[in-house]
Protein backbone atom coordinates (compact mmCIF):
# COMPACT_ATOMS: atom_id res chain seq x y z
CA MET A 1 36.39 81.81 112.77
CA ASN A 2 32.70 82.66 112.73
CA ASN A 3 29.90 80.34 113.83
CA GLU A 4 28.97 79.25 110.32
CA ALA A 5 32.54 78.32 109.39
CA ALA A 6 32.98 76.53 112.71
CA ALA A 7 29.75 74.59 112.17
CA ILE A 8 30.98 73.41 108.77
CA ALA A 9 34.32 72.33 110.25
CA VAL A 10 32.59 70.39 113.03
CA MET A 11 30.20 68.79 110.53
CA ARG A 12 33.10 67.57 108.41
CA ALA A 13 34.83 66.16 111.49
CA ALA A 14 31.62 64.47 112.66
CA ASP A 15 31.24 62.74 109.30
CA ARG A 16 34.57 60.98 109.91
CA ILE A 17 33.69 59.70 113.38
CA GLY A 18 32.65 56.07 113.73
CA ASP A 19 31.02 56.56 117.15
CA ALA A 20 27.31 57.13 116.43
CA ALA A 21 26.57 58.69 119.84
CA LEU A 22 29.42 61.19 119.52
CA LYS A 23 28.39 61.98 115.96
CA GLU A 24 24.84 62.74 117.13
CA GLN A 25 26.16 65.01 119.91
CA LEU A 26 28.28 66.91 117.41
CA PHE A 27 25.34 67.34 115.04
CA HIS A 28 23.34 68.84 117.93
CA VAL A 29 26.22 71.25 118.57
CA ILE A 30 26.17 72.18 114.89
CA GLN A 31 22.44 72.87 115.02
CA ARG A 32 22.88 75.13 118.05
CA MET A 33 25.76 76.96 116.39
CA ASN A 34 23.70 77.56 113.26
CA GLN A 35 20.76 78.77 115.37
CA ASP A 36 23.05 81.15 117.27
CA ALA A 37 24.46 82.46 113.99
CA ALA A 38 20.94 83.07 112.66
CA GLU A 39 19.93 84.91 115.83
CA LEU A 40 23.06 87.06 115.74
CA ARG A 41 22.37 87.91 112.10
CA VAL A 42 18.86 89.11 113.02
CA VAL A 43 20.24 91.26 115.84
CA ARG A 44 22.92 92.76 113.56
CA ASP A 45 20.31 93.53 110.91
CA HIS A 46 18.16 95.40 113.45
CA VAL A 47 21.08 97.28 115.00
CA GLY A 48 23.02 98.05 111.84
């Protein structure tokens, strides 16, 4: 599973969580995963 697909899966799971603090932590994880995916895409574009 790539970072983007994992981020979507985590986002869907976070939407179902009633704990606001945990939901916020998961959304921060999602943001980091999306940032990592974007950075990897840039590196691949420069290498490939």
